[in-house]
Full PDB file with SEQRES, HELIX, SHEET, SSBOND, CRYST1, ORIGX, SCALE, CONECT and MASTER records, all heavy atoms in Angstrom:
SEQRES   1 A   38  SER GLU GLU SER LYS LYS ALA ILE ILE ASN ALA VAL LEU          
SEQRES   2 A   38  ASP ASN GLU ASP HIS ARG MET ARG ASN LEU ARG TYR VAL          
SEQRES   3 A   38  ASN GLU ASP PHE GLU GLU TYR ILE SER ASN LYS MET              
HELIX    1 AA1 GLU A    2  LEU A   13  1                                  12    
HELIX    2 AA2 PHE A   30  LYS A   37  1                                   8    
CRYST1    1.000    1.000    1.000  90.00  90.00  90.00 P 1           1          
ORIGX1      1.000000  0.000000  0.000000        0.00000                         
ORIGX2      0.000000  1.000000  0.000000        0.00000                         
ORIGX3      0.000000  0.000000  1.000000        0.00000                         
SCALE1      1.000000  0.000000  0.000000        0.00000                         
SCALE2      0.000000  1.000000  0.000000        0.00000                         
SCALE3      0.000000  0.000000  1.000000        0.00000                         
ATOM      1  N   SER A   1      91.745  89.036  81.337  1.00  0.00           N  
ATOM      2  CA  SER A   1      92.113  87.795  82.032  1.00  0.00           C  
ATOM      3  C   SER A   1      93.339  88.054  82.821  1.00  0.00           C  
ATOM      4  O   SER A   1      94.131  88.982  82.513  1.00  0.00           O  
ATOM      5  CB  SER A   1      92.364  86.666  81.067  1.00  0.00           C  
ATOM      6  OG  SER A   1      93.518  86.929  80.272  1.00  0.00           O  
ATOM      7  N   GLU A   2      93.592  87.268  83.898  1.00  0.00           N  
ATOM      8  CA  GLU A   2      94.737  87.478  84.731  1.00  0.00           C  
ATOM      9  C   GLU A   2      96.048  87.301  83.913  1.00  0.00           C  
ATOM     10  O   GLU A   2      97.013  88.026  84.114  1.00  0.00           O  
ATOM     11  CB  GLU A   2      94.768  86.520  85.919  1.00  0.00           C  
ATOM     12  CG  GLU A   2      95.883  86.734  86.878  1.00  0.00           C  
ATOM     13  CD  GLU A   2      95.709  86.012  88.173  1.00  0.00           C  
ATOM     14  OE1 GLU A   2      94.544  85.743  88.559  1.00  0.00           O  
ATOM     15  OE2 GLU A   2      96.742  85.767  88.855  1.00  0.00           O  
ATOM     16  N   GLU A   3      96.016  86.365  82.978  1.00  0.00           N  
ATOM     17  CA  GLU A   3      97.211  86.178  82.118  1.00  0.00           C  
ATOM     18  C   GLU A   3      97.524  87.375  81.279  1.00  0.00           C  
ATOM     19  O   GLU A   3      98.681  87.810  81.161  1.00  0.00           O  
ATOM     20  CB  GLU A   3      96.951  84.963  81.252  1.00  0.00           C  
ATOM     21  CG  GLU A   3      98.185  84.583  80.366  1.00  0.00           C  
ATOM     22  CD  GLU A   3      97.887  83.328  79.527  1.00  0.00           C  
ATOM     23  OE1 GLU A   3      96.860  82.697  79.676  1.00  0.00           O  
ATOM     24  OE2 GLU A   3      98.803  83.017  78.697  1.00  0.00           O  
ATOM     25  N   SER A   4      96.473  87.982  80.731  1.00  0.00           N  
ATOM     26  CA  SER A   4      96.646  89.156  79.923  1.00  0.00           C  
ATOM     27  C   SER A   4      97.170  90.357  80.751  1.00  0.00           C  
ATOM     28  O   SER A   4      98.017  91.124  80.322  1.00  0.00           O  
ATOM     29  CB  SER A   4      95.382  89.581  79.182  1.00  0.00           C  
ATOM     30  OG  SER A   4      94.945  88.594  78.242  1.00  0.00           O  
ATOM     31  N   LYS A   5      96.580  90.481  81.910  1.00  0.00           N  
ATOM     32  CA  LYS A   5      96.983  91.567  82.819  1.00  0.00           C  
ATOM     33  C   LYS A   5      98.480  91.427  83.238  1.00  0.00           C  
ATOM     34  O   LYS A   5      99.214  92.407  83.161  1.00  0.00           O  
ATOM     35  CB  LYS A   5      96.114  91.597  84.067  1.00  0.00           C  
ATOM     36  CG  LYS A   5      94.682  92.127  83.831  1.00  0.00           C  
ATOM     37  CD  LYS A   5      93.937  92.452  85.109  1.00  0.00           C  
ATOM     38  CE  LYS A   5      93.507  91.243  85.855  1.00  0.00           C  
ATOM     39  NZ  LYS A   5      92.600  91.585  86.950  1.00  0.00           N  
ATOM     40  N   LYS A   6      98.868  90.199  83.528  1.00  0.00           N  
ATOM     41  CA  LYS A   6     100.276  90.003  83.913  1.00  0.00           C  
ATOM     42  C   LYS A   6     101.204  90.349  82.761  1.00  0.00           C  
ATOM     43  O   LYS A   6     102.242  90.943  82.903  1.00  0.00           O  
ATOM     44  CB  LYS A   6     100.477  88.530  84.339  1.00  0.00           C  
ATOM     45  CG  LYS A   6      99.896  88.226  85.737  1.00  0.00           C  
ATOM     46  CD  LYS A   6     100.187  86.807  86.130  1.00  0.00           C  
ATOM     47  CE  LYS A   6      99.610  86.488  87.527  1.00  0.00           C  
ATOM     48  NZ  LYS A   6      99.893  85.082  87.918  1.00  0.00           N  
ATOM     49  N   ALA A   7     100.797  89.908  81.543  1.00  0.00           N  
ATOM     50  CA  ALA A   7     101.604  90.173  80.343  1.00  0.00           C  
ATOM     51  C   ALA A   7     101.743  91.680  80.103  1.00  0.00           C  
ATOM     52  O   ALA A   7     102.874  92.188  79.834  1.00  0.00           O  
ATOM     53  CB  ALA A   7     101.047  89.490  79.128  1.00  0.00           C  
ATOM     54  N   ILE A   8     100.649  92.412  80.326  1.00  0.00           N  
ATOM     55  CA  ILE A   8     100.697  93.875  80.050  1.00  0.00           C  
ATOM     56  C   ILE A   8     101.526  94.543  81.151  1.00  0.00           C  
ATOM     57  O   ILE A   8     102.322  95.455  80.865  1.00  0.00           O  
ATOM     58  CB  ILE A   8      99.246  94.444  80.017  1.00  0.00           C  
ATOM     59  CG1 ILE A   8      98.522  93.907  78.793  1.00  0.00           C  
ATOM     60  CG2 ILE A   8      99.240  95.951  80.045  1.00  0.00           C  
ATOM     61  CD1 ILE A   8      97.017  94.249  78.807  1.00  0.00           C  
ATOM     62  N   ILE A   9     101.314  94.109  82.373  1.00  0.00           N  
ATOM     63  CA  ILE A   9     102.071  94.712  83.539  1.00  0.00           C  
ATOM     64  C   ILE A   9     103.546  94.510  83.350  1.00  0.00           C  
ATOM     65  O   ILE A   9     104.360  95.384  83.509  1.00  0.00           O  
ATOM     66  CB  ILE A   9     101.613  94.060  84.888  1.00  0.00           C  
ATOM     67  CG1 ILE A   9     100.218  94.532  85.181  1.00  0.00           C  
ATOM     68  CG2 ILE A   9     102.591  94.462  86.003  1.00  0.00           C  
ATOM     69  CD1 ILE A   9      99.561  93.768  86.365  1.00  0.00           C  
ATOM     70  N   ASN A  10     103.956  93.254  82.931  1.00  0.00           N  
ATOM     71  CA  ASN A  10     105.377  92.953  82.697  1.00  0.00           C  
ATOM     72  C   ASN A  10     105.946  93.768  81.554  1.00  0.00           C  
ATOM     73  O   ASN A  10     107.070  94.271  81.637  1.00  0.00           O  
ATOM     74  CB  ASN A  10     105.541  91.519  82.418  1.00  0.00           C  
ATOM     75  CG  ASN A  10     105.331  90.616  83.640  1.00  0.00           C  
ATOM     76  OD1 ASN A  10     105.504  91.094  84.748  1.00  0.00           O  
ATOM     77  ND2 ASN A  10     104.924  89.365  83.480  1.00  0.00           N  
ATOM     78  N   ALA A  11     105.144  93.969  80.497  1.00  0.00           N  
ATOM     79  CA  ALA A  11     105.579  94.735  79.334  1.00  0.00           C  
ATOM     80  C   ALA A  11     105.831  96.197  79.725  1.00  0.00           C  
ATOM     81  O   ALA A  11     106.800  96.801  79.252  1.00  0.00           O  
ATOM     82  CB  ALA A  11     104.554  94.692  78.231  1.00  0.00           C  
ATOM     83  N   VAL A  12     105.016  96.765  80.622  1.00  0.00           N  
ATOM     84  CA  VAL A  12     105.210  98.131  81.038  1.00  0.00           C  
ATOM     85  C   VAL A  12     106.338  98.252  82.065  1.00  0.00           C  
ATOM     86  O   VAL A  12     107.214  99.114  81.909  1.00  0.00           O  
ATOM     87  CB  VAL A  12     103.904  98.683  81.656  1.00  0.00           C  
ATOM     88  CG1 VAL A  12     104.138 100.069  82.229  1.00  0.00           C  
ATOM     89  CG2 VAL A  12     102.805  98.767  80.563  1.00  0.00           C  
ATOM     90  N   LEU A  13     106.302  97.398  83.044  1.00  0.00           N  
ATOM     91  CA  LEU A  13     107.279  97.526  84.159  1.00  0.00           C  
ATOM     92  C   LEU A  13     108.687  97.064  83.776  1.00  0.00           C  
ATOM     93  O   LEU A  13     109.651  97.461  84.424  1.00  0.00           O  
ATOM     94  CB  LEU A  13     106.821  96.723  85.386  1.00  0.00           C  
ATOM     95  CG  LEU A  13     105.502  97.198  85.958  1.00  0.00           C  
ATOM     96  CD1 LEU A  13     105.194  96.465  87.245  1.00  0.00           C  
ATOM     97  CD2 LEU A  13     105.458  98.696  86.222  1.00  0.00           C  
ATOM     98  N   ASP A  14     108.805  96.228  82.710  1.00  0.00           N  
ATOM     99  CA  ASP A  14     110.132  95.817  82.236  1.00  0.00           C  
ATOM    100  C   ASP A  14     110.902  96.949  81.626  1.00  0.00           C  
ATOM    101  O   ASP A  14     112.135  96.892  81.453  1.00  0.00           O  
ATOM    102  CB  ASP A  14     110.005  94.644  81.271  1.00  0.00           C  
ATOM    103  CG  ASP A  14     109.789  93.296  82.001  1.00  0.00           C  
ATOM    104  OD1 ASP A  14     109.902  93.291  83.265  1.00  0.00           O  
ATOM    105  OD2 ASP A  14     109.454  92.346  81.371  1.00  0.00           O  
ATOM    106  N   ASN A  15     110.131  98.011  81.188  1.00  0.00           N  
ATOM    107  CA  ASN A  15     110.797  99.177  80.571  1.00  0.00           C  
ATOM    108  C   ASN A  15     111.475  99.961  81.708  1.00  0.00           C  
ATOM    109  O   ASN A  15     110.855 100.445  82.651  1.00  0.00           O  
ATOM    110  CB  ASN A  15     109.721 100.037  79.884  1.00  0.00           C  
ATOM    111  CG  ASN A  15     110.286 101.307  79.251  1.00  0.00           C  
ATOM    112  OD1 ASN A  15     111.486 101.523  79.312  1.00  0.00           O  
ATOM    113  ND2 ASN A  15     109.453 102.035  78.613  1.00  0.00           N  
ATOM    114  N   GLU A  16     112.807 100.152  81.590  1.00  0.00           N  
ATOM    115  CA  GLU A  16     113.557 100.869  82.682  1.00  0.00           C  
ATOM    116  C   GLU A  16     113.089 102.310  82.822  1.00  0.00           C  
ATOM    117  O   GLU A  16     113.265 102.869  83.915  1.00  0.00           O  
ATOM    118  CB  GLU A  16     115.051 100.865  82.328  1.00  0.00           C  
ATOM    119  CG  GLU A  16     115.703  99.498  82.347  1.00  0.00           C  
ATOM    120  CD  GLU A  16     117.157  99.557  81.992  1.00  0.00           C  
ATOM    121  OE1 GLU A  16     117.642 100.689  81.758  1.00  0.00           O  
ATOM    122  OE2 GLU A  16     117.791  98.478  82.020  1.00  0.00           O  
ATOM    123  N   ASP A  17     112.439 102.876  81.848  1.00  0.00           N  
ATOM    124  CA  ASP A  17     111.993 104.242  81.904  1.00  0.00           C  
ATOM    125  C   ASP A  17     110.531 104.389  82.196  1.00  0.00           C  
ATOM    126  O   ASP A  17     109.892 105.382  81.892  1.00  0.00           O  
ATOM    127  CB  ASP A  17     112.389 105.007  80.594  1.00  0.00           C  
ATOM    128  CG  ASP A  17     112.305 106.516  80.786  1.00  0.00           C  
ATOM    129  OD1 ASP A  17     112.702 106.973  81.815  1.00  0.00           O  
ATOM    130  OD2 ASP A  17     111.873 107.159  79.762  1.00  0.00           O  
ATOM    131  N   HIS A  18     109.952 103.317  82.787  1.00  0.00           N  
ATOM    132  CA  HIS A  18     108.514 103.271  82.937  1.00  0.00           C  
ATOM    133  C   HIS A  18     108.012 104.237  84.020  1.00  0.00           C  
ATOM    134  O   HIS A  18     106.840 104.660  84.030  1.00  0.00           O  
ATOM    135  CB  HIS A  18     107.973 101.847  83.221  1.00  0.00           C  
ATOM    136  CG  HIS A  18     108.138 101.468  84.633  1.00  0.00           C  
ATOM    137  ND1 HIS A  18     107.143 101.632  85.586  1.00  0.00           N  
ATOM    138  CD2 HIS A  18     109.189 100.852  85.285  1.00  0.00           C  
ATOM    139  CE1 HIS A  18     107.528 101.228  86.739  1.00  0.00           C  
ATOM    140  NE2 HIS A  18     108.779 100.685  86.608  1.00  0.00           N  
ATOM    141  N   ARG A  19     108.791 104.530  85.045  1.00  0.00           N  
ATOM    142  CA  ARG A  19     108.340 105.274  86.195  1.00  0.00           C  
ATOM    143  C   ARG A  19     107.866 106.668  85.815  1.00  0.00           C  
ATOM    144  O   ARG A  19     108.490 107.345  84.954  1.00  0.00           O  
ATOM    145  CB  ARG A  19     109.456 105.421  87.235  1.00  0.00           C  
ATOM    146  CG  ARG A  19     109.908 104.073  87.814  1.00  0.00           C  
ATOM    147  CD  ARG A  19     108.838 103.414  88.663  1.00  0.00           C  
ATOM    148  NE  ARG A  19     109.291 102.182  89.247  1.00  0.00           N  
ATOM    149  CZ  ARG A  19     108.486 101.362  89.921  1.00  0.00           C  
ATOM    150  NH1 ARG A  19     107.241 101.685  90.128  1.00  0.00           N  
ATOM    151  NH2 ARG A  19     108.966 100.215  90.463  1.00  0.00           N  
ATOM    152  N   MET A  20     106.792 107.139  86.478  1.00  0.00           N  
ATOM    153  CA  MET A  20     106.247 108.467  86.227  1.00  0.00           C  
ATOM    154  C   MET A  20     107.229 109.494  86.741  1.00  0.00           C  
ATOM    155  O   MET A  20     107.485 109.564  87.940  1.00  0.00           O  
ATOM    156  CB  MET A  20     104.896 108.617  86.907  1.00  0.00           C  
ATOM    157  CG  MET A  20     103.781 107.876  86.276  1.00  0.00           C  
ATOM    158  SD  MET A  20     102.178 108.385  86.995  1.00  0.00           S  
ATOM    159  CE  MET A  20     102.061 110.007  86.368  1.00  0.00           C  
ATOM    160  N   ARG A  21     107.768 110.278  85.831  1.00  0.00           N  
ATOM    161  CA  ARG A  21     108.772 111.347  86.251  1.00  0.00           C  
ATOM    162  C   ARG A  21     108.046 112.467  86.974  1.00  0.00           C  
ATOM    163  O   ARG A  21     108.710 113.259  87.660  1.00  0.00           O  
ATOM    164  CB  ARG A  21     109.479 111.855  85.018  1.00  0.00           C  
ATOM    165  CG  ARG A  21     110.335 110.777  84.416  1.00  0.00           C  
ATOM    166  CD  ARG A  21     111.103 111.328  83.183  1.00  0.00           C  
ATOM    167  NE  ARG A  21     111.963 110.275  82.600  1.00  0.00           N  
ATOM    168  CZ  ARG A  21     112.743 110.505  81.564  1.00  0.00           C  
ATOM    169  NH1 ARG A  21     112.821 111.689  81.031  1.00  0.00           N  
ATOM    170  NH2 ARG A  21     113.483 109.479  81.075  1.00  0.00           N  
ATOM    171  N   ASN A  22     106.721 112.607  86.830  1.00  0.00           N  
ATOM    172  CA  ASN A  22     106.050 113.715  87.408  1.00  0.00           C  
ATOM    173  C   ASN A  22     105.487 113.356  88.810  1.00  0.00           C  
ATOM    174  O   ASN A  22     104.790 114.142  89.451  1.00  0.00           O  
ATOM    175  CB  ASN A  22     104.862 114.201  86.513  1.00  0.00           C  
ATOM    176  CG  ASN A  22     105.411 114.754  85.217  1.00  0.00           C  
ATOM    177  OD1 ASN A  22     106.423 115.443  85.242  1.00  0.00           O  
ATOM    178  ND2 ASN A  22     104.712 114.445  84.106  1.00  0.00           N  
ATOM    179  N   LEU A  23     105.731 112.069  89.256  1.00  0.00           N  
ATOM    180  CA  LEU A  23     105.301 111.654  90.566  1.00  0.00           C  
ATOM    181  C   LEU A  23     106.447 111.570  91.513  1.00  0.00           C  
ATOM    182  O   LEU A  23     107.490 110.976  91.234  1.00  0.00           O  
ATOM    183  CB  LEU A  23     104.654 110.239  90.449  1.00  0.00           C  
ATOM    184  CG  LEU A  23     104.156 109.569  91.742  1.00  0.00           C  
ATOM    185  CD1 LEU A  23     102.991 110.360  92.275  1.00  0.00           C  
ATOM    186  CD2 LEU A  23     103.791 108.140  91.471  1.00  0.00           C  
ATOM    187  N   ARG A  24     106.287 112.227  92.666  1.00  0.00           N  
ATOM    188  CA  ARG A  24     107.418 112.262  93.653  1.00  0.00           C  
ATOM    189  C   ARG A  24     106.907 112.034  95.035  1.00  0.00           C  
ATOM    190  O   ARG A  24     105.926 112.658  95.434  1.00  0.00           O  
ATOM    191  CB  ARG A  24     108.078 113.652  93.607  1.00  0.00           C  
ATOM    192  CG  ARG A  24     109.252 113.832  94.538  1.00  0.00           C  
ATOM    193  CD  ARG A  24     109.944 115.129  94.277  1.00  0.00           C  
ATOM    194  NE  ARG A  24     109.167 116.289  94.816  1.00  0.00           N  
ATOM    195  CZ  ARG A  24     109.455 116.929  95.904  1.00  0.00           C  
ATOM    196  NH1 ARG A  24     110.473 116.534  96.699  1.00  0.00           N  
ATOM    197  NH2 ARG A  24     108.741 117.942  96.305  1.00  0.00           N  
ATOM    198  N   TYR A  25     107.528 111.087  95.771  1.00  0.00           N  
ATOM    199  CA  TYR A  25     107.133 110.821  97.096  1.00  0.00           C  
ATOM    200  C   TYR A  25     107.931 111.727  98.046  1.00  0.00           C  
ATOM    201  O   TYR A  25     109.173 111.882  97.941  1.00  0.00           O  
ATOM    202  CB  TYR A  25     107.434 109.371  97.508  1.00  0.00           C  
ATOM    203  CG  TYR A  25     107.128 109.039  98.985  1.00  0.00           C  
ATOM    204  CD1 TYR A  25     105.889 109.161  99.488  1.00  0.00           C  
ATOM    205  CD2 TYR A  25     108.222 108.685  99.810  1.00  0.00           C  
ATOM    206  CE1 TYR A  25     105.664 108.912 100.815  1.00  0.00           C  
ATOM    207  CE2 TYR A  25     107.965 108.422 101.134  1.00  0.00           C  
ATOM    208  CZ  TYR A  25     106.680 108.514 101.659  1.00  0.00           C  
ATOM    209  OH  TYR A  25     106.437 108.280 102.985  1.00  0.00           O  
ATOM    210  N   VAL A  26     107.258 112.407  99.014  1.00  0.00           N  
ATOM    211  CA  VAL A  26     107.872 113.285  99.964  1.00  0.00           C  
ATOM    212  C   VAL A  26     107.627 112.715 101.340  1.00  0.00           C  
ATOM    213  O   VAL A  26     106.530 112.642 101.793  1.00  0.00           O  
ATOM    214  CB  VAL A  26     107.299 114.742  99.863  1.00  0.00           C  
ATOM    215  CG1 VAL A  26     108.019 115.655 100.821  1.00  0.00           C  
ATOM    216  CG2 VAL A  26     107.398 115.272  98.448  1.00  0.00           C  
ATOM    217  N   ASN A  27     108.765 112.330 101.985  1.00  0.00           N  
ATOM    218  CA  ASN A  27     108.656 111.703 103.278  1.00  0.00           C  
ATOM    219  C   ASN A  27     108.665 112.773 104.401  1.00  0.00           C  
ATOM    220  O   ASN A  27     109.520 112.792 105.252  1.00  0.00           O  
ATOM    221  CB  ASN A  27     109.818 110.724 103.481  1.00  0.00           C  
ATOM    222  CG  ASN A  27     109.668 109.882 104.739  1.00  0.00           C  
ATOM    223  OD1 ASN A  27     108.564 109.699 105.227  1.00  0.00           O  
ATOM    224  ND2 ASN A  27     110.784 109.401 105.260  1.00  0.00           N  
ATOM    225  N   GLU A  28     107.679 113.649 104.315  1.00  0.00           N  
ATOM    226  CA  GLU A  28     107.511 114.708 105.316  1.00  0.00           C  
ATOM    227  C   GLU A  28     106.036 114.899 105.569  1.00  0.00           C  
ATOM    228  O   GLU A  28     105.194 114.522 104.772  1.00  0.00           O  
ATOM    229  CB  GLU A  28     108.111 116.072 104.815  1.00  0.00           C  
ATOM    230  CG  GLU A  28     109.603 116.041 104.634  1.00  0.00           C  
ATOM    231  CD  GLU A  28     110.094 117.420 104.161  1.00  0.00           C  
ATOM    232  OE1 GLU A  28     109.566 118.438 104.704  1.00  0.00           O  
ATOM    233  OE2 GLU A  28     110.978 117.521 103.279  1.00  0.00           O  
ATOM    234  N   ASP A  29     105.678 115.442 106.757  1.00  0.00           N  
ATOM    235  CA  ASP A  29     104.314 115.707 107.062  1.00  0.00           C  
ATOM    236  C   ASP A  29     103.725 116.777 106.083  1.00  0.00           C  
ATOM    237  O   ASP A  29     104.337 117.854 105.941  1.00  0.00           O  
ATOM    238  CB  ASP A  29     104.172 116.182 108.493  1.00  0.00           C  
ATOM    239  CG  ASP A  29     102.670 116.440 108.850  1.00  0.00           C  
ATOM    240  OD1 ASP A  29     101.960 115.449 109.100  1.00  0.00           O  
ATOM    241  OD2 ASP A  29     102.262 117.616 108.834  1.00  0.00           O  
ATOM    242  N   PHE A  30     102.649 116.498 105.446  1.00  0.00           N  
ATOM    243  CA  PHE A  30     102.080 117.353 104.388  1.00  0.00           C  
ATOM    244  C   PHE A  30     101.819 118.758 104.959  1.00  0.00           C  
ATOM    245  O   PHE A  30     102.186 119.751 104.342  1.00  0.00           O  
ATOM    246  CB  PHE A  30     100.839 116.742 103.811  1.00  0.00           C  
ATOM    247  CG  PHE A  30     100.139 117.653 102.815  1.00  0.00           C  
ATOM    248  CD1 PHE A  30     100.705 117.860 101.537  1.00  0.00           C  
ATOM    249  CD2 PHE A  30      99.014 118.362 103.111  1.00  0.00           C  
ATOM    250  CE1 PHE A  30     100.093 118.684 100.608  1.00  0.00           C  
ATOM    251  CE2 PHE A  30      98.383 119.199 102.191  1.00  0.00           C  
ATOM    252  CZ  PHE A  30      98.979 119.352 100.914  1.00  0.00           C  
ATOM    253  N   GLU A  31     101.098 118.851 106.047  1.00  0.00           N  
ATOM    254  CA  GLU A  31     100.654 120.143 106.607  1.00  0.00           C  
ATOM    255  C   GLU A  31     101.887 121.053 106.945  1.00  0.00           C  
ATOM    256  O   GLU A  31     101.888 122.197 106.693  1.00  0.00           O  
ATOM    257  CB  GLU A  31      99.780 119.979 107.815  1.00  0.00           C  
ATOM    258  CG  GLU A  31      98.467 119.226 107.547  1.00  0.00           C  
ATOM    259  CD  GLU A  31      97.614 119.974 106.574  1.00  0.00           C  
ATOM    260  OE1 GLU A  31      97.779 121.172 106.317  1.00  0.00           O  
ATOM    261  OE2 GLU A  31      96.643 119.287 105.944  1.00  0.00           O  
ATOM    262  N   GLU A  32     102.876 120.396 107.591  1.00  0.00           N  
ATOM    263  CA  GLU A  32     104.097 121.167 107.938  1.00  0.00           C  
ATOM    264  C   GLU A  32     104.840 121.583 106.643  1.00  0.00           C  
ATOM    265  O   GLU A  32     105.366 122.718 106.624  1.00  0.00           O  
ATOM    266  CB  GLU A  32     104.980 120.274 108.806  1.00  0.00           C  
ATOM    267  CG  GLU A  32     104.465 120.019 110.203  1.00  0.00           C  
ATOM    268  CD  GLU A  32     105.445 119.215 111.022  1.00  0.00           C  
ATOM    269  OE1 GLU A  32     106.595 119.035 110.573  1.00  0.00           O  
ATOM    270  OE2 GLU A  32     105.093 118.816 112.115  1.00  0.00           O  
ATOM    271  N   TYR A  33     104.918 120.683 105.691  1.00  0.00           N  
ATOM    272  CA  TYR A  33     105.607 121.021 104.443  1.00  0.00           C  
ATOM    273  C   TYR A  33     104.959 122.205 103.703  1.00  0.00           C  
ATOM    274  O   TYR A  33     105.651 123.091 103.321  1.00  0.00           O  
ATOM    275  CB  TYR A  33     105.570 119.759 103.538  1.00  0.00           C  
ATOM    276  CG  TYR A  33     106.358 119.885 102.264  1.00  0.00           C  
ATOM    277  CD1 TYR A  33     107.736 119.639 102.242  1.00  0.00           C  
ATOM    278  CD2 TYR A  33     105.760 120.219 101.088  1.00  0.00           C  
ATOM    279  CE1 TYR A  33     108.436 119.736 101.084  1.00  0.00           C  
ATOM    280  CE2 TYR A  33     106.483 120.271  99.858  1.00  0.00           C  
ATOM    281  CZ  TYR A  33     107.809 120.024  99.898  1.00  0.00           C  
ATOM    282  OH  TYR A  33     108.578 120.138  98.732  1.00  0.00           O  
ATOM    283  N   ILE A  34     103.648 122.154 103.612  1.00  0.00           N  
ATOM    284  CA  ILE A  34     102.933 123.244 102.943  1.00  0.00           C  
ATOM    285  C   ILE A  34     103.034 124.551 103.728  1.00  0.00           C  
ATOM    286  O   ILE A  34     103.189 125.623 103.174  1.00  0.00           O  
ATOM    287  CB  ILE A  34     101.445 122.866 102.747  1.00  0.00           C  
ATOM    288  CG1 ILE A  34     101.352 121.729 101.717  1.00  0.00           C  
ATOM    289  CG2 ILE A  34     100.646 124.105 102.217  1.00  0.00           C  
ATOM    290  CD1 ILE A  34     101.938 121.988 100.387  1.00  0.00           C  
ATOM    291  N   SER A  35     102.982 124.409 105.033  1.00  0.00           N  
ATOM    292  CA  SER A  35     103.092 125.622 105.926  1.00  0.00           C  
ATOM    293  C   SER A  35     104.430 126.334 105.716  1.00  0.00           C  
ATOM    294  O   SER A  35     104.542 127.557 105.581  1.00  0.00           O  
ATOM    295  CB  SER A  35     102.893 125.245 107.383  1.00  0.00           C  
ATOM    296  OG  SER A  35     103.099 126.376 108.181  1.00  0.00           O  
ATOM    297  N   ASN A  36     105.466 125.483 105.620  1.00  0.00           N  
ATOM    298  CA  ASN A  36     106.845 126.033 105.392  1.00  0.00           C  
ATOM    299  C   ASN A  36     106.943 126.698 104.023  1.00  0.00           C  
ATOM    300  O   ASN A  36     107.603 127.696 103.839  1.00  0.00           O  
ATOM    301  CB  ASN A  36     107.882 124.965 105.509  1.00  0.00           C  
ATOM    302  CG  ASN A  36     107.991 124.425 106.941  1.00  0.00           C  
ATOM    303  OD1 ASN A  36     107.723 125.199 107.883  1.00  0.00           O  
ATOM    304  ND2 ASN A  36     108.458 123.209 107.149  1.00  0.00           N  
ATOM    305  N   LYS A  37     106.308 126.075 103.021  1.00  0.00           N  
ATOM    306  CA  LYS A  37     106.337 126.644 101.673  1.00  0.00           C  
ATOM    307  C   LYS A  37     105.629 127.968 101.621  1.00  0.00           C  
ATOM    308  O   LYS A  37     106.100 128.917 100.974  1.00  0.00           O  
ATOM    309  CB  LYS A  37     105.619 125.674 100.685  1.00  0.00           C  
ATOM    310  CG  LYS A  37     106.494 124.538 100.199  1.00  0.00           C  
ATOM    311  CD  LYS A  37     107.542 125.051  99.202  1.00  0.00           C  
ATOM    312  CE  LYS A  37     108.380 123.914  98.654  1.00  0.00           C  
ATOM    313  NZ  LYS A  37     109.399 124.458  97.701  1.00  0.00           N  
ATOM    314  N   MET A  38     104.488 128.058 102.286  1.00  0.00           N  
ATOM    315  CA  MET A  38     103.756 129.339 102.294  1.00  0.00           C  
ATOM    316  C   MET A  38     104.547 130.432 103.008  1.00  0.00           C  
ATOM    317  O   MET A  38     104.626 131.593 102.569  1.00  0.00           O  
ATOM    318  CB  MET A  38     102.382 129.174 103.017  1.00  0.00           C  
ATOM    319  CG  MET A  38     101.462 128.286 102.252  1.00  0.00           C  
ATOM    320  SD  MET A  38      99.859 128.092 103.072  1.00  0.00           S  
ATOM    321  CE  MET A  38      99.189 129.756 102.924  1.00  0.00           C  
TER     322      MET A  38                                                      
MASTER        0    0    0    2    0    0    0    6  321    1    0    3          
END                                                                             
């Protein structure tokens, strides 16, 4: 139910350490970034 979903979302997101540490946003063009890495 929408109520249950909201409760679960709040329970997870209220945790200050909830963010995925293995996920990183890179504000660069992917092809150029990979080309430079290679």
